[in-house]
Amino acid sequence: MGEADDRTMKARIVERAGELGFSHCGIASADRPDVVHREAFEKWVSNGDLGTMDWMERGRRKEWTPN
């Protein structure tokens, strides 16, 4: 897919999200996070800031080594 196709797809997704009642919709990169983000995430998890999102802690190793 080219850059123009990517923009069209993003616009379609955002439009459809609005139709479904979402007030906000964003598209994030699937690139692997850098070291700074990893350190911040690890600190966030270690501080217990996950609330009820236990699944994030269980799967956090996959975040950095998905293969």
PDB file of N, CA and C in Angstrom:
ATOM      1  N   MET A   1       0.835  -1.175   0.000  1.00  0.00           N
ATOM      2  CA  MET A   1       0.000   0.000   0.000  1.00  0.00           C
ATOM      3  C   MET A   1       0.879   1.238   0.000  1.00  0.00           C
ATOM      4  N   GLY A   2       0.465   2.235  -0.729  1.00  0.00           N
ATOM      5  CA  GLY A   2       1.198   3.478  -0.775  1.00  0.00           C
ATOM      6  C   GLY A   2       0.746   4.435   0.308  1.00  0.00           C
ATOM      7  N   GLU A   3       1.441   5.564   0.411  1.00  0.00           N
ATOM      8  CA  GLU A   3       1.121   6.551   1.442  1.00  0.00           C
ATOM      9  C   GLU A   3      -0.295   7.102   1.283  1.00  0.00           C
ATOM     10  N   ALA A   4      -0.704   7.353   0.048  1.00  0.00           N
ATOM     11  CA  ALA A   4      -2.065   7.853  -0.194  1.00  0.00           C
ATOM     12  C   ALA A   4      -3.105   6.820   0.233  1.00  0.00           C
ATOM     13  N   ASP A   5      -2.834   5.548  -0.059  1.00  0.00           N
ATOM     14  CA  ASP A   5      -3.745   4.482   0.358  1.00  0.00           C
ATOM     15  C   ASP A   5      -3.838   4.409   1.875  1.00  0.00           C
ATOM     16  N   ASP A   6      -2.695   4.591   2.552  1.00  0.00           N
ATOM     17  CA  ASP A   6      -2.680   4.575   4.017  1.00  0.00           C
ATOM     18  C   ASP A   6      -3.565   5.683   4.578  1.00  0.00           C
ATOM     19  N   ARG A   7      -3.456   6.889   3.983  1.00  0.00           N
ATOM     20  CA  ARG A   7      -4.272   8.017   4.455  1.00  0.00           C
ATOM     21  C   ARG A   7      -5.755   7.736   4.226  1.00  0.00           C
ATOM     22  N   THR A   8      -6.084   7.153   3.082  1.00  0.00           N
ATOM     23  CA  THR A   8      -7.474   6.825   2.774  1.00  0.00           C
ATOM     24  C   THR A   8      -8.006   5.794   3.764  1.00  0.00           C
ATOM     25  N   MET A   9      -7.218   4.774   4.042  1.00  0.00           N
ATOM     26  CA  MET A   9      -7.635   3.737   4.988  1.00  0.00           C
ATOM     27  C   MET A   9      -7.835   4.326   6.379  1.00  0.00           C
ATOM     28  N   LYS A  10      -6.903   5.172   6.810  1.00  0.00           N
ATOM     29  CA  LYS A  10      -7.040   5.812   8.129  1.00  0.00           C
ATOM     30  C   LYS A  10      -8.311   6.638   8.194  1.00  0.00           C
ATOM     31  N   ALA A  11      -8.585   7.404   7.139  1.00  0.00           N
ATOM     32  CA  ALA A  11      -9.792   8.234   7.103  1.00  0.00           C
ATOM     33  C   ALA A  11     -11.046   7.368   7.170  1.00  0.00           C
ATOM     34  N   ARG A  12     -11.039   6.243   6.491  1.00  0.00           N
ATOM     35  CA  ARG A  12     -12.199   5.342   6.508  1.00  0.00           C
ATOM     36  C   ARG A  12     -12.410   4.748   7.901  1.00  0.00           C
ATOM     37  N   ILE A  13     -11.306   4.384   8.555  1.00  0.00           N
ATOM     38  CA  ILE A  13     -11.400   3.808   9.905  1.00  0.00           C
ATOM     39  C   ILE A  13     -11.941   4.841  10.884  1.00  0.00           C
ATOM     40  N   VAL A  14     -11.402   6.065  10.821  1.00  0.00           N
ATOM     41  CA  VAL A  14     -11.846   7.132  11.720  1.00  0.00           C
ATOM     42  C   VAL A  14     -13.323   7.452  11.467  1.00  0.00           C
ATOM     43  N   GLU A  15     -13.719   7.515  10.205  1.00  0.00           N
ATOM     44  CA  GLU A  15     -15.115   7.783   9.863  1.00  0.00           C
ATOM     45  C   GLU A  15     -16.026   6.693  10.416  1.00  0.00           C
ATOM     46  N   ARG A  16     -15.627   5.443  10.221  1.00  0.00           N
ATOM     47  CA  ARG A  16     -16.447   4.317  10.697  1.00  0.00           C
ATOM     48  C   ARG A  16     -16.537   4.316  12.221  1.00  0.00           C
ATOM     49  N   ALA A  17     -15.443   4.639  12.885  1.00  0.00           N
ATOM     50  CA  ALA A  17     -15.460   4.710  14.351  1.00  0.00           C
ATOM     51  C   ALA A  17     -16.489   5.742  14.812  1.00  0.00           C
ATOM     52  N   GLY A  18     -16.531   6.877  14.127  1.00  0.00           N
ATOM     53  CA  GLY A  18     -17.530   7.896  14.451  1.00  0.00           C
ATOM     54  C   GLY A  18     -18.943   7.393  14.250  1.00  0.00           C
ATOM     55  N   GLU A  19     -19.147   6.662  13.166  1.00  0.00           N
ATOM     56  CA  GLU A  19     -20.470   6.095  12.897  1.00  0.00           C
ATOM     57  C   GLU A  19     -20.894   5.114  13.989  1.00  0.00           C
ATOM     58  N   LEU A  20     -19.914   4.443  14.567  1.00  0.00           N
ATOM     59  CA  LEU A  20     -20.197   3.467  15.624  1.00  0.00           C
ATOM     60  C   LEU A  20     -20.333   4.104  17.001  1.00  0.00           C
ATOM     61  N   GLY A  21     -20.136   5.424  17.063  1.00  0.00           N
ATOM     62  CA  GLY A  21     -20.351   6.127  18.325  1.00  0.00           C
ATOM     63  C   GLY A  21     -19.095   6.483  19.097  1.00  0.00           C
ATOM     64  N   PHE A  22     -17.912   6.178  18.536  1.00  0.00           N
ATOM     65  CA  PHE A  22     -16.678   6.545  19.227  1.00  0.00           C
ATOM     66  C   PHE A  22     -16.447   8.046  19.075  1.00  0.00           C
ATOM     67  N   SER A  23     -16.077   8.708  20.166  1.00  0.00           N
ATOM     68  CA  SER A  23     -15.828  10.145  20.099  1.00  0.00           C
ATOM     69  C   SER A  23     -14.402  10.441  19.637  1.00  0.00           C
ATOM     70  N   HIS A  24     -13.522   9.493  19.796  1.00  0.00           N
ATOM     71  CA  HIS A  24     -12.134   9.656  19.370  1.00  0.00           C
ATOM     72  C   HIS A  24     -11.640   8.363  18.724  1.00  0.00           C
ATOM     73  N   CYS A  25     -10.769   8.503  17.765  1.00  0.00           N
ATOM     74  CA  CYS A  25     -10.160   7.346  17.125  1.00  0.00           C
ATOM     75  C   CYS A  25      -8.773   7.746  16.653  1.00  0.00           C
ATOM     76  N   GLY A  26      -7.791   6.951  16.972  1.00  0.00           N
ATOM     77  CA  GLY A  26      -6.428   7.238  16.532  1.00  0.00           C
ATOM     78  C   GLY A  26      -5.768   5.995  15.977  1.00  0.00           C
ATOM     79  N   ILE A  27      -4.779   6.209  15.149  1.00  0.00           N
ATOM     80  CA  ILE A  27      -4.032   5.115  14.542  1.00  0.00           C
ATOM     81  C   ILE A  27      -2.589   5.249  15.022  1.00  0.00           C
ATOM     82  N   ALA A  28      -2.071   4.210  15.629  1.00  0.00           N
ATOM     83  CA  ALA A  28      -0.705   4.224  16.150  1.00  0.00           C
ATOM     84  C   ALA A  28       0.207   3.377  15.280  1.00  0.00           C
ATOM     85  N   SER A  29       1.443   3.710  15.294  1.00  0.00           N
ATOM     86  CA  SER A  29       2.449   2.943  14.569  1.00  0.00           C
ATOM     87  C   SER A  29       2.633   1.579  15.229  1.00  0.00           C
ATOM     88  N   ALA A  30       2.963   0.599  14.445  1.00  0.00           N
ATOM     89  CA  ALA A  30       3.227  -0.730  14.986  1.00  0.00           C
ATOM     90  C   ALA A  30       4.720  -0.962  15.199  1.00  0.00           C
ATOM     91  N   ASP A  31       5.499   0.101  15.110  1.00  0.00           N
ATOM     92  CA  ASP A  31       6.934  -0.022  15.329  1.00  0.00           C
ATOM     93  C   ASP A  31       7.215  -0.410  16.771  1.00  0.00           C
ATOM     94  N   ARG A  32       8.324  -1.112  16.967  1.00  0.00           N
ATOM     95  CA  ARG A  32       8.741  -1.504  18.309  1.00  0.00           C
ATOM     96  C   ARG A  32       9.130  -0.248  19.101  1.00  0.00           C
ATOM     97  N   PRO A  33       8.646  -0.130  20.341  1.00  0.00           N
ATOM     98  CA  PRO A  33       8.968   1.051  21.154  1.00  0.00           C
ATOM     99  C   PRO A  33      10.471   1.163  21.422  1.00  0.00           C
ATOM    100  N   ASP A  34      10.929   2.389  21.582  1.00  0.00           N
ATOM    101  CA  ASP A  34      12.347   2.581  21.879  1.00  0.00           C
ATOM    102  C   ASP A  34      12.605   2.372  23.365  1.00  0.00           C
ATOM    103  N   VAL A  35      13.876   2.445  23.747  1.00  0.00           N
ATOM    104  CA  VAL A  35      14.293   2.175  25.122  1.00  0.00           C
ATOM    105  C   VAL A  35      13.639   3.133  26.118  1.00  0.00           C
ATOM    106  N   VAL A  36      13.514   4.400  25.763  1.00  0.00           N
ATOM    107  CA  VAL A  36      12.909   5.370  26.681  1.00  0.00           C
ATOM    108  C   VAL A  36      11.484   4.969  27.017  1.00  0.00           C
ATOM    109  N   HIS A  37      10.716   4.572  26.009  1.00  0.00           N
ATOM    110  CA  HIS A  37       9.339   4.158  26.264  1.00  0.00           C
ATOM    111  C   HIS A  37       9.290   2.867  27.066  1.00  0.00           C
ATOM    112  N   ARG A  38      10.231   1.991  26.809  1.00  0.00           N
ATOM    113  CA  ARG A  38      10.255   0.733  27.558  1.00  0.00           C
ATOM    114  C   ARG A  38      10.518   0.992  29.037  1.00  0.00           C
ATOM    115  N   GLU A  39      11.486   1.850  29.323  1.00  0.00           N
ATOM    116  CA  GLU A  39      11.807   2.157  30.723  1.00  0.00           C
ATOM    117  C   GLU A  39      10.612   2.801  31.422  1.00  0.00           C
ATOM    118  N   ALA A  40       9.934   3.710  30.739  1.00  0.00           N
ATOM    119  CA  ALA A  40       8.756   4.360  31.325  1.00  0.00           C
ATOM    120  C   ALA A  40       7.642   3.344  31.567  1.00  0.00           C
ATOM    121  N   PHE A  41       7.446   2.439  30.609  1.00  0.00           N
ATOM    122  CA  PHE A  41       6.415   1.416  30.755  1.00  0.00           C
ATOM    123  C   PHE A  41       6.740   0.488  31.920  1.00  0.00           C
ATOM    124  N   GLU A  42       7.996   0.042  32.005  1.00  0.00           N
ATOM    125  CA  GLU A  42       8.395  -0.851  33.094  1.00  0.00           C
ATOM    126  C   GLU A  42       8.200  -0.185  34.454  1.00  0.00           C
ATOM    127  N   LYS A  43       8.522   1.098  34.548  1.00  0.00           N
ATOM    128  CA  LYS A  43       8.330   1.834  35.798  1.00  0.00           C
ATOM    129  C   LYS A  43       6.838   1.926  36.119  1.00  0.00           C
ATOM    130  N   TRP A  44       6.035   2.199  35.114  1.00  0.00           N
ATOM    131  CA  TRP A  44       4.591   2.300  35.285  1.00  0.00           C
ATOM    132  C   TRP A  44       4.021   0.986  35.815  1.00  0.00           C
ATOM    133  N   VAL A  45       4.472  -0.135  35.240  1.00  0.00           N
ATOM    134  CA  VAL A  45       4.009  -1.453  35.691  1.00  0.00           C
ATOM    135  C   VAL A  45       4.492  -1.724  37.106  1.00  0.00           C
ATOM    136  N   SER A  46       5.779  -1.458  37.376  1.00  0.00           N
ATOM    137  CA  SER A  46       6.358  -1.708  38.701  1.00  0.00           C
ATOM    138  C   SER A  46       5.677  -0.891  39.794  1.00  0.00           C
ATOM    139  N   ASN A  47       5.213   0.307  39.445  1.00  0.00           N
ATOM    140  CA  ASN A  47       4.519   1.163  40.419  1.00  0.00           C
ATOM    141  C   ASN A  47       3.099   0.694  40.695  1.00  0.00           C
ATOM    142  N   GLY A  48       2.637  -0.295  39.953  1.00  0.00           N
ATOM    143  CA  GLY A  48       1.285  -0.800  40.150  1.00  0.00           C
ATOM    144  C   GLY A  48       0.213   0.088  39.543  1.00  0.00           C
ATOM    145  N   ASP A  49       0.606   0.892  38.553  1.00  0.00           N
ATOM    146  CA  ASP A  49      -0.331   1.832  37.943  1.00  0.00           C
ATOM    147  C   ASP A  49      -1.244   1.185  36.898  1.00  0.00           C
ATOM    148  N   LEU A  50      -1.243  -0.125  36.821  1.00  0.00           N
ATOM    149  CA  LEU A  50      -2.058  -0.845  35.839  1.00  0.00           C
ATOM    150  C   LEU A  50      -3.539  -0.875  36.177  1.00  0.00           C
ATOM    151  N   GLY A  51      -3.850  -0.626  37.432  1.00  0.00           N
ATOM    152  CA  GLY A  51      -5.253  -0.744  37.834  1.00  0.00           C
ATOM    153  C   GLY A  51      -5.707  -2.184  37.668  1.00  0.00           C
ATOM    154  N   THR A  52      -6.766  -2.392  36.891  1.00  0.00           N
ATOM    155  CA  THR A  52      -7.302  -3.741  36.685  1.00  0.00           C
ATOM    156  C   THR A  52      -6.799  -4.383  35.391  1.00  0.00           C
ATOM    157  N   MET A  53      -5.771  -3.790  34.796  1.00  0.00           N
ATOM    158  CA  MET A  53      -5.260  -4.313  33.518  1.00  0.00           C
ATOM    159  C   MET A  53      -4.131  -5.335  33.746  1.00  0.00           C
ATOM    160  N   ASP A  54      -4.416  -6.382  34.495  1.00  0.00           N
ATOM    161  CA  ASP A  54      -3.416  -7.410  34.806  1.00  0.00           C
ATOM    162  C   ASP A  54      -2.827  -8.047  33.557  1.00  0.00           C
ATOM    163  N   TRP A  55      -3.611  -8.124  32.496  1.00  0.00           N
ATOM    164  CA  TRP A  55      -3.158  -8.743  31.258  1.00  0.00           C
ATOM    165  C   TRP A  55      -1.936  -8.031  30.702  1.00  0.00           C
ATOM    166  N   MET A  56      -1.771  -6.742  30.981  1.00  0.00           N
ATOM    167  CA  MET A  56      -0.606  -6.009  30.476  1.00  0.00           C
ATOM    168  C   MET A  56       0.673  -6.502  31.134  1.00  0.00           C
ATOM    169  N   GLU A  57       0.602  -6.777  32.423  1.00  0.00           N
ATOM    170  CA  GLU A  57       1.783  -7.283  33.118  1.00  0.00           C
ATOM    171  C   GLU A  57       2.117  -8.702  32.664  1.00  0.00           C
ATOM    172  N   ARG A  58       1.099  -9.530  32.508  1.00  0.00           N
ATOM    173  CA  ARG A  58       1.334 -10.912  32.078  1.00  0.00           C
ATOM    174  C   ARG A  58       1.973 -10.967  30.691  1.00  0.00           C
ATOM    175  N   GLY A  59       1.600 -10.051  29.811  1.00  0.00           N
ATOM    176  CA  GLY A  59       2.102 -10.103  28.446  1.00  0.00           C
ATOM    177  C   GLY A  59       3.198  -9.100  28.134  1.00  0.00           C
ATOM    178  N   ARG A  60       3.751  -8.450  29.149  1.00  0.00           N
ATOM    179  CA  ARG A  60       4.681  -7.352  28.861  1.00  0.00           C
ATOM    180  C   ARG A  60       5.963  -7.789  28.196  1.00  0.00           C
ATOM    181  N   ARG A  61       6.421  -8.998  28.383  1.00  0.00           N
ATOM    182  CA  ARG A  61       7.639  -9.459  27.699  1.00  0.00           C
ATOM    183  C   ARG A  61       7.424  -9.504  26.185  1.00  0.00           C
ATOM    184  N   LYS A  62       6.209  -9.819  25.766  1.00  0.00           N
ATOM    185  CA  LYS A  62       5.882  -9.862  24.346  1.00  0.00           C
ATOM    186  C   LYS A  62       5.983  -8.483  23.696  1.00  0.00           C
ATOM    187  N   GLU A  63       5.770  -7.446  24.498  1.00  0.00           N
ATOM    188  CA  GLU A  63       5.834  -6.081  23.972  1.00  0.00           C
ATOM    189  C   GLU A  63       7.212  -5.774  23.392  1.00  0.00           C
ATOM    190  N   TRP A  64       8.234  -6.352  23.971  1.00  0.00           N
ATOM    191  CA  TRP A  64       9.607  -6.020  23.566  1.00  0.00           C
ATOM    192  C   TRP A  64      10.231  -7.089  22.682  1.00  0.00           C
ATOM    193  N   THR A  65       9.729  -8.301  22.759  1.00  0.00           N
ATOM    194  CA  THR A  65      10.239  -9.385  21.915  1.00  0.00           C
ATOM    195  C   THR A  65       9.056 -10.180  21.377  1.00  0.00           C
ATOM    196  N   PRO A  66       8.350  -9.605  20.400  1.00  0.00           N
ATOM    197  CA  PRO A  66       7.109 -10.238  19.933  1.00  0.00           C
ATOM    198  C   PRO A  66       7.293 -11.553  19.204  1.00  0.00           C
ATOM    199  N   ASN A  67       8.473 -11.865  18.749  1.00  0.00           N
ATOM    200  CA  ASN A  67       8.654 -13.118  17.985  1.00  0.00           C
ATOM    201  C   ASN A  67       8.737 -14.250  18.924  1.00  0.00           C
TER     202      ASN A  67
END
